[in-house]
Amino acid sequence: MDLAELVYAARTEAGLTQTQLAAAMGTSQSAVATWENGARTPGIDALERLAAACGKRLHITITAA
């Protein structure tokens, strides 16, 4: 699963619309849409706010390919 899919899954599992998530994060609906369609990648700060808004915790792991 790529990051765009994870953003979408976190939002929908939390039962939020893009507009509701954006409001909870202090960002725009269009920013959420660009993350979900893979056009842009959210930064760490945005990912932390996204996780909190969806009732989740952010964990970052780096592994060798």
Protein backbone atom coordinates (compact mmCIF):
# COMPACT_ATOMS: atom_id res chain seq x y z
CA MET A 1 0.00 0.00 0.00
CA ASP A 2 1.42 3.39 -0.93
CA LEU A 3 1.12 6.64 1.01
CA ALA A 4 -1.83 7.95 -1.02
CA GLU A 5 -3.77 4.76 -0.24
CA LEU A 6 -2.86 5.04 3.45
CA VAL A 7 -4.14 8.62 3.62
CA TYR A 8 -7.42 7.55 1.99
CA ALA A 9 -7.76 4.48 4.24
CA ALA A 10 -7.11 6.47 7.43
CA ARG A 11 -9.70 9.07 6.46
CA THR A 12 -12.41 6.64 5.42
CA GLU A 13 -11.85 4.35 8.42
CA ALA A 14 -12.34 7.41 10.63
CA GLY A 15 -15.61 8.13 8.82
CA LEU A 16 -14.48 11.56 7.65
CA THR A 17 -15.01 13.38 4.38
CA GLN A 18 -12.08 15.18 2.80
CA THR A 19 -13.60 18.46 3.96
CA GLN A 20 -13.99 17.25 7.55
CA LEU A 21 -10.43 15.92 7.66
CA ALA A 22 -9.07 19.14 6.21
CA ALA A 23 -10.91 21.20 8.83
CA ALA A 24 -9.64 18.97 11.65
CA MET A 25 -6.09 19.31 10.32
CA GLY A 26 -6.21 23.05 9.60
CA THR A 27 -5.62 22.57 5.89
CA SER A 28 -7.66 22.67 2.70
CA GLN A 29 -9.83 19.99 1.13
CA SER A 30 -7.79 20.33 -2.06
CA ALA A 31 -4.61 19.46 -0.14
CA VAL A 32 -6.23 16.27 1.16
CA ALA A 33 -7.39 15.43 -2.37
CA THR A 34 -3.88 15.85 -3.81
CA TRP A 35 -2.44 13.56 -1.11
CA GLU A 36 -5.08 10.92 -1.82
CA ASN A 37 -4.57 10.99 -5.58
CA GLY A 38 -0.79 10.87 -5.21
CA ALA A 39 -0.15 14.24 -6.86
CA ARG A 40 1.58 15.53 -3.69
CA THR A 41 3.14 13.91 -0.66
CA PRO A 42 2.24 15.26 2.80
CA GLY A 43 5.13 16.21 5.05
CA ILE A 44 5.78 14.71 8.46
CA ASP A 45 3.91 17.52 10.24
CA ALA A 46 0.85 16.98 8.03
CA LEU A 47 1.03 13.22 8.58
CA GLU A 48 1.11 13.76 12.35
CA ARG A 49 -1.96 16.02 12.16
CA LEU A 50 -3.70 13.56 9.85
CA ALA A 51 -3.08 10.67 12.23
CA ALA A 52 -4.36 12.68 15.20
CA ALA A 53 -7.46 13.81 13.31
CA CYS A 54 -8.22 10.18 12.42
CA GLY A 55 -7.63 8.91 15.97
CA LYS A 56 -4.43 7.12 15.03
CA ARG A 57 -0.72 7.36 15.84
CA LEU A 58 2.01 7.98 13.29
CA HIS A 59 4.79 5.39 13.10
CA ILE A 60 7.59 5.74 10.55
CA THR A 61 9.77 2.79 9.63
CA ILE A 62 12.67 2.70 7.19
CA THR A 63 13.60 -0.70 5.85
CA ALA A 64 16.12 -1.95 3.34
CA ALA A 65 14.67 -2.93 -0.02
